[in-house]
Amino acid sequence: MNTRTMLLELGGPEGVAATVDELYRRLLHDPEIAPYFVGVDVAAIRIHMTDFLVAVVDGPDHYAGRDLASAHGRLHITDAAFDATASHLLDTLEDRAVRPDLLDAVLDRIAPLRASIVTAR
């Protein structure tokens, strides 16, 4: 798959931002995930996540946040929380009518990040 096509098929940076907005709506309504965001500036996190996901799908890399291990280390994120978040992302993309092979490509980019995000074993 042409990687530039990934970003274009997701609607460009604006489409990724819309996906992130919906993703966080879902995350904040998930009783197992929402507690991770207590006391967090969700608006700032949305901006970081949008920039991060744009870079993940080979768009322009404007991500200026901390590295993933530093950003998530103190949160004690579990494998179950990582899986739930990935599931919410995939559900959000499916609702945006993203092709199954593109869903797989996004998941292939996200899955290896588990080691930097999950800290509670």
N, C-alpha and C. Protein backbone atom coordinates (compact mmCIF):
# COMPACT_ATOMS: atom_id res chain seq x y z
N MET A 1 0.85 -1.19 0.00
CA MET A 1 0.00 0.00 0.00
C MET A 1 0.89 1.23 0.00
N ASN A 2 0.58 2.16 -0.85
CA ASN A 2 1.29 3.43 -0.89
C ASN A 2 1.02 4.15 0.44
N THR A 3 2.09 4.47 1.16
CA THR A 3 1.90 5.04 2.49
C THR A 3 1.28 6.44 2.45
N ARG A 4 1.55 7.21 1.41
CA ARG A 4 0.90 8.51 1.31
C ARG A 4 -0.61 8.32 1.17
N THR A 5 -0.99 7.24 0.52
CA THR A 5 -2.40 6.93 0.35
C THR A 5 -3.05 6.67 1.71
N MET A 6 -2.31 6.10 2.66
CA MET A 6 -2.87 5.87 4.00
C MET A 6 -3.42 7.17 4.58
N LEU A 7 -2.60 8.19 4.59
CA LEU A 7 -3.03 9.47 5.15
C LEU A 7 -4.19 10.04 4.34
N LEU A 8 -4.09 9.98 3.03
CA LEU A 8 -5.17 10.51 2.19
C LEU A 8 -6.47 9.76 2.42
N GLU A 9 -6.39 8.44 2.52
CA GLU A 9 -7.61 7.65 2.73
C GLU A 9 -8.23 7.88 4.11
N LEU A 10 -7.43 8.33 5.03
CA LEU A 10 -7.96 8.66 6.35
C LEU A 10 -8.50 10.09 6.40
N GLY A 11 -8.47 10.77 5.25
CA GLY A 11 -9.01 12.13 5.18
C GLY A 11 -7.99 13.21 5.42
N GLY A 12 -6.70 12.86 5.30
CA GLY A 12 -5.66 13.85 5.56
C GLY A 12 -5.59 14.16 7.04
N PRO A 13 -4.81 15.16 7.40
CA PRO A 13 -4.70 15.53 8.82
C PRO A 13 -6.05 15.88 9.45
N GLU A 14 -6.95 16.48 8.66
CA GLU A 14 -8.27 16.84 9.20
C GLU A 14 -9.09 15.58 9.51
N GLY A 15 -8.99 14.58 8.65
CA GLY A 15 -9.69 13.33 8.89
C GLY A 15 -9.14 12.60 10.10
N VAL A 16 -7.82 12.65 10.27
CA VAL A 16 -7.20 12.04 11.44
C VAL A 16 -7.66 12.77 12.70
N ALA A 17 -7.73 14.10 12.64
CA ALA A 17 -8.20 14.88 13.79
C ALA A 17 -9.63 14.52 14.15
N ALA A 18 -10.48 14.35 13.15
CA ALA A 18 -11.88 13.96 13.41
C ALA A 18 -11.93 12.56 14.02
N THR A 19 -11.07 11.68 13.54
CA THR A 19 -11.00 10.33 14.11
C THR A 19 -10.57 10.40 15.57
N VAL A 20 -9.57 11.21 15.85
CA VAL A 20 -9.08 11.35 17.23
C VAL A 20 -10.17 11.93 18.13
N ASP A 21 -10.91 12.91 17.64
CA ASP A 21 -11.99 13.48 18.45
C ASP A 21 -13.01 12.41 18.83
N GLU A 22 -13.38 11.58 17.85
CA GLU A 22 -14.33 10.51 18.13
C GLU A 22 -13.71 9.45 19.03
N LEU A 23 -12.45 9.14 18.80
CA LEU A 23 -11.75 8.16 19.64
C LEU A 23 -11.79 8.61 21.10
N TYR A 24 -11.47 9.87 21.37
CA TYR A 24 -11.46 10.32 22.76
C TYR A 24 -12.85 10.42 23.35
N ARG A 25 -13.84 10.68 22.53
CA ARG A 25 -15.22 10.63 23.04
C ARG A 25 -15.50 9.23 23.55
N ARG A 26 -15.09 8.22 22.78
CA ARG A 26 -15.30 6.83 23.19
C ARG A 26 -14.46 6.47 24.42
N LEU A 27 -13.21 6.86 24.41
CA LEU A 27 -12.33 6.54 25.53
C LEU A 27 -12.84 7.13 26.83
N LEU A 28 -13.31 8.36 26.77
CA LEU A 28 -13.79 9.04 27.98
C LEU A 28 -15.12 8.49 28.47
N HIS A 29 -15.82 7.72 27.64
CA HIS A 29 -17.06 7.07 28.05
C HIS A 29 -16.86 5.60 28.40
N ASP A 30 -15.65 5.13 28.29
CA ASP A 30 -15.34 3.73 28.62
C ASP A 30 -14.93 3.69 30.09
N PRO A 31 -15.71 3.02 30.95
CA PRO A 31 -15.42 3.04 32.38
C PRO A 31 -14.06 2.46 32.76
N GLU A 32 -13.48 1.63 31.90
CA GLU A 32 -12.16 1.08 32.21
C GLU A 32 -11.03 1.99 31.74
N ILE A 33 -11.29 2.82 30.75
CA ILE A 33 -10.25 3.69 30.18
C ILE A 33 -10.32 5.10 30.74
N ALA A 34 -11.51 5.61 30.98
CA ALA A 34 -11.69 6.99 31.42
C ALA A 34 -10.83 7.37 32.63
N PRO A 35 -10.65 6.49 33.63
CA PRO A 35 -9.84 6.89 34.78
C PRO A 35 -8.39 7.28 34.43
N TYR A 36 -7.88 6.80 33.33
CA TYR A 36 -6.53 7.19 32.92
C TYR A 36 -6.44 8.67 32.56
N PHE A 37 -7.58 9.31 32.33
CA PHE A 37 -7.60 10.70 31.89
C PHE A 37 -8.02 11.69 32.97
N VAL A 38 -8.22 11.20 34.19
CA VAL A 38 -8.57 12.09 35.29
C VAL A 38 -7.40 13.06 35.53
N GLY A 39 -7.71 14.34 35.55
CA GLY A 39 -6.69 15.36 35.79
C GLY A 39 -5.77 15.62 34.61
N VAL A 40 -6.13 15.12 33.44
CA VAL A 40 -5.30 15.28 32.24
C VAL A 40 -5.92 16.32 31.33
N ASP A 41 -5.10 17.13 30.70
CA ASP A 41 -5.56 18.11 29.72
C ASP A 41 -5.87 17.37 28.42
N VAL A 42 -7.11 16.90 28.29
CA VAL A 42 -7.50 16.07 27.16
C VAL A 42 -7.38 16.84 25.85
N ALA A 43 -7.64 18.12 25.85
CA ALA A 43 -7.50 18.91 24.62
C ALA A 43 -6.06 18.87 24.12
N ALA A 44 -5.12 18.99 25.02
CA ALA A 44 -3.70 18.93 24.62
C ALA A 44 -3.33 17.52 24.14
N ILE A 45 -3.86 16.52 24.83
CA ILE A 45 -3.58 15.13 24.45
C ILE A 45 -4.14 14.85 23.06
N ARG A 46 -5.31 15.38 22.75
CA ARG A 46 -5.90 15.19 21.42
C ARG A 46 -4.99 15.75 20.33
N ILE A 47 -4.43 16.90 20.59
CA ILE A 47 -3.51 17.51 19.61
C ILE A 47 -2.29 16.61 19.43
N HIS A 48 -1.70 16.16 20.54
CA HIS A 48 -0.54 15.27 20.45
C HIS A 48 -0.89 13.98 19.72
N MET A 49 -2.06 13.40 20.04
CA MET A 49 -2.46 12.14 19.41
C MET A 49 -2.69 12.34 17.92
N THR A 50 -3.30 13.45 17.54
CA THR A 50 -3.51 13.72 16.12
C THR A 50 -2.17 13.82 15.40
N ASP A 51 -1.26 14.61 15.94
CA ASP A 51 0.07 14.74 15.32
C ASP A 51 0.78 13.39 15.26
N PHE A 52 0.65 12.62 16.33
CA PHE A 52 1.30 11.31 16.40
C PHE A 52 0.73 10.37 15.34
N LEU A 53 -0.60 10.28 15.25
CA LEU A 53 -1.21 9.37 14.29
C LEU A 53 -0.94 9.80 12.85
N VAL A 54 -0.91 11.09 12.59
CA VAL A 54 -0.55 11.56 11.25
C VAL A 54 0.85 11.05 10.90
N ALA A 55 1.77 11.15 11.83
CA ALA A 55 3.13 10.66 11.59
C ALA A 55 3.15 9.14 11.43
N VAL A 56 2.35 8.43 12.21
CA VAL A 56 2.29 6.97 12.14
C VAL A 56 1.87 6.50 10.75
N VAL A 57 0.98 7.23 10.11
CA VAL A 57 0.53 6.84 8.77
C VAL A 57 1.32 7.57 7.69
N ASP A 58 2.53 7.95 8.03
CA ASP A 58 3.50 8.53 7.11
C ASP A 58 3.13 9.89 6.57
N GLY A 59 2.39 10.64 7.37
CA GLY A 59 2.14 12.03 7.02
C GLY A 59 3.27 12.88 7.57
N PRO A 60 3.12 14.18 7.49
CA PRO A 60 4.15 15.06 8.04
C PRO A 60 4.32 14.82 9.54
N ASP A 61 5.54 14.78 10.00
CA ASP A 61 5.81 14.51 11.41
C ASP A 61 5.94 15.82 12.17
N HIS A 62 4.83 16.22 12.78
CA HIS A 62 4.81 17.44 13.61
C HIS A 62 4.69 17.09 15.08
N TYR A 63 4.83 15.81 15.41
CA TYR A 63 4.68 15.38 16.80
C TYR A 63 5.80 15.96 17.64
N ALA A 64 5.42 16.70 18.67
CA ALA A 64 6.40 17.34 19.54
C ALA A 64 6.25 16.89 20.98
N GLY A 65 5.51 15.83 21.19
CA GLY A 65 5.29 15.32 22.55
C GLY A 65 6.47 14.51 23.03
N ARG A 66 6.36 14.08 24.28
CA ARG A 66 7.39 13.22 24.86
C ARG A 66 7.40 11.87 24.16
N ASP A 67 8.49 11.14 24.34
CA ASP A 67 8.50 9.79 23.79
C ASP A 67 7.44 8.97 24.52
N LEU A 68 6.97 7.92 23.88
CA LEU A 68 5.83 7.16 24.40
C LEU A 68 6.09 6.58 25.78
N ALA A 69 7.28 6.06 26.01
CA ALA A 69 7.58 5.46 27.32
C ALA A 69 7.51 6.51 28.43
N SER A 70 8.05 7.69 28.18
CA SER A 70 8.01 8.76 29.18
C SER A 70 6.59 9.26 29.41
N ALA A 71 5.84 9.39 28.34
CA ALA A 71 4.49 9.93 28.44
C ALA A 71 3.53 8.97 29.15
N HIS A 72 3.78 7.67 29.05
CA HIS A 72 2.84 6.70 29.60
C HIS A 72 3.36 5.96 30.83
N GLY A 73 4.62 6.09 31.14
CA GLY A 73 5.26 5.30 32.19
C GLY A 73 4.59 5.36 33.55
N ARG A 74 4.17 6.52 33.96
CA ARG A 74 3.58 6.67 35.31
C ARG A 74 2.12 6.26 35.37
N LEU A 75 1.53 5.93 34.22
CA LEU A 75 0.10 5.65 34.17
C LEU A 75 -0.27 4.20 34.47
N HIS A 76 0.71 3.32 34.51
CA HIS A 76 0.46 1.91 34.80
C HIS A 76 -0.59 1.31 33.87
N ILE A 77 -0.39 1.53 32.59
CA ILE A 77 -1.33 1.04 31.58
C ILE A 77 -1.18 -0.47 31.44
N THR A 78 -2.31 -1.13 31.40
CA THR A 78 -2.35 -2.59 31.29
C THR A 78 -2.48 -3.02 29.83
N ASP A 79 -2.20 -4.29 29.59
CA ASP A 79 -2.45 -4.85 28.25
C ASP A 79 -3.92 -4.70 27.88
N ALA A 80 -4.80 -4.92 28.84
CA ALA A 80 -6.24 -4.80 28.57
C ALA A 80 -6.61 -3.38 28.17
N ALA A 81 -6.02 -2.38 28.81
CA ALA A 81 -6.31 -0.99 28.47
C ALA A 81 -5.76 -0.66 27.08
N PHE A 82 -4.58 -1.17 26.76
CA PHE A 82 -4.01 -0.96 25.42
C PHE A 82 -4.93 -1.59 24.38
N ASP A 83 -5.36 -2.83 24.63
CA ASP A 83 -6.24 -3.52 23.69
C ASP A 83 -7.57 -2.79 23.53
N ALA A 84 -8.12 -2.30 24.62
CA ALA A 84 -9.39 -1.58 24.55
C ALA A 84 -9.24 -0.29 23.75
N THR A 85 -8.14 0.40 23.95
CA THR A 85 -7.90 1.64 23.21
C THR A 85 -7.73 1.35 21.72
N ALA A 86 -6.96 0.32 21.39
CA ALA A 86 -6.79 -0.07 19.99
C ALA A 86 -8.13 -0.47 19.39
N SER A 87 -8.95 -1.17 20.15
CA SER A 87 -10.27 -1.58 19.68
C SER A 87 -11.15 -0.36 19.41
N HIS A 88 -11.11 0.62 20.31
CA HIS A 88 -11.88 1.85 20.09
C HIS A 88 -11.38 2.57 18.83
N LEU A 89 -10.08 2.58 18.61
CA LEU A 89 -9.54 3.21 17.41
C LEU A 89 -10.05 2.49 16.16
N LEU A 90 -9.97 1.17 16.17
CA LEU A 90 -10.45 0.42 15.01
C LEU A 90 -11.95 0.60 14.78
N ASP A 91 -12.73 0.61 15.86
CA ASP A 91 -14.17 0.84 15.73
C ASP A 91 -14.45 2.22 15.15
N THR A 92 -13.70 3.20 15.60
CA THR A 92 -13.86 4.57 15.09
C THR A 92 -13.54 4.61 13.60
N LEU A 93 -12.46 3.97 13.20
CA LEU A 93 -12.09 3.93 11.78
C LEU A 93 -13.13 3.17 10.97
N GLU A 94 -13.63 2.06 11.50
CA GLU A 94 -14.68 1.32 10.79
C GLU A 94 -15.92 2.18 10.58
N ASP A 95 -16.29 2.96 11.60
CA ASP A 95 -17.44 3.85 11.48
C ASP A 95 -17.21 4.94 10.44
N ARG A 96 -15.95 5.22 10.15
CA ARG A 96 -15.60 6.19 9.11
C ARG A 96 -15.46 5.50 7.75
N ALA A 97 -15.87 4.24 7.68
CA ALA A 97 -15.86 3.45 6.43
C ALA A 97 -14.46 3.27 5.85
N VAL A 98 -13.49 3.08 6.72
CA VAL A 98 -12.12 2.80 6.28
C VAL A 98 -12.05 1.34 5.82
N ARG A 99 -11.42 1.12 4.69
CA ARG A 99 -11.29 -0.22 4.12
C ARG A 99 -10.60 -1.18 5.10
N PRO A 100 -10.99 -2.45 5.11
CA PRO A 100 -10.38 -3.43 6.02
C PRO A 100 -8.86 -3.54 5.90
N ASP A 101 -8.32 -3.48 4.68
CA ASP A 101 -6.87 -3.60 4.56
C ASP A 101 -6.16 -2.36 5.13
N LEU A 102 -6.81 -1.21 5.09
CA LEU A 102 -6.24 -0.01 5.70
C LEU A 102 -6.33 -0.11 7.22
N LEU A 103 -7.43 -0.67 7.72
CA LEU A 103 -7.53 -0.92 9.16
C LEU A 103 -6.38 -1.80 9.63
N ASP A 104 -6.12 -2.85 8.87
CA ASP A 104 -5.02 -3.76 9.20
C ASP A 104 -3.68 -3.03 9.18
N ALA A 105 -3.49 -2.16 8.19
CA ALA A 105 -2.23 -1.42 8.07
C ALA A 105 -2.03 -0.48 9.27
N VAL A 106 -3.11 0.18 9.68
CA VAL A 106 -3.02 1.06 10.86
C VAL A 106 -2.70 0.23 12.10
N LEU A 107 -3.39 -0.89 12.26
CA LEU A 107 -3.15 -1.76 13.41
C LEU A 107 -1.70 -2.27 13.40
N ASP A 108 -1.19 -2.59 12.23
CA ASP A 108 0.20 -3.05 12.12
C ASP A 108 1.18 -1.97 12.59
N ARG A 109 0.80 -0.72 12.45
CA ARG A 109 1.66 0.38 12.91
C ARG A 109 1.52 0.65 14.40
N ILE A 110 0.33 0.38 14.94
CA ILE A 110 0.05 0.66 16.35
C ILE A 110 0.51 -0.49 17.26
N ALA A 111 0.32 -1.72 16.84
CA ALA A 111 0.61 -2.88 17.69
C ALA A 111 2.02 -2.89 18.27
N PRO A 112 3.06 -2.56 17.51
CA PRO A 112 4.41 -2.60 18.10
C PRO A 112 4.66 -1.54 19.18
N LEU A 113 3.75 -0.60 19.32
CA LEU A 113 3.92 0.45 20.33
C LEU A 113 3.57 -0.04 21.73
N ARG A 114 2.96 -1.21 21.81
CA ARG A 114 2.56 -1.79 23.10
C ARG A 114 3.71 -1.77 24.10
N ALA A 115 4.89 -2.16 23.67
CA ALA A 115 6.04 -2.27 24.59
C ALA A 115 6.42 -0.92 25.21
N SER A 116 6.13 0.18 24.53
CA SER A 116 6.44 1.50 25.06
C SER A 116 5.32 2.09 25.90
N ILE A 117 4.13 1.52 25.80
CA ILE A 117 2.96 2.09 26.47
C ILE A 117 2.52 1.28 27.68
N VAL A 118 2.54 -0.04 27.57
CA VAL A 118 2.08 -0.90 28.67
C VAL A 118 3.19 -1.00 29.70
N THR A 119 2.85 -0.63 30.94
CA THR A 119 3.84 -0.67 32.02
C THR A 119 3.38 -1.53 33.19
N ALA A 120 2.08 -1.84 33.24
CA ALA A 120 1.57 -2.66 34.33
C ALA A 120 1.52 -4.09 33.84
N ARG A 121 2.33 -4.93 34.41
CA ARG A 121 2.40 -6.35 34.00
C ARG A 121 1.89 -7.23 35.10
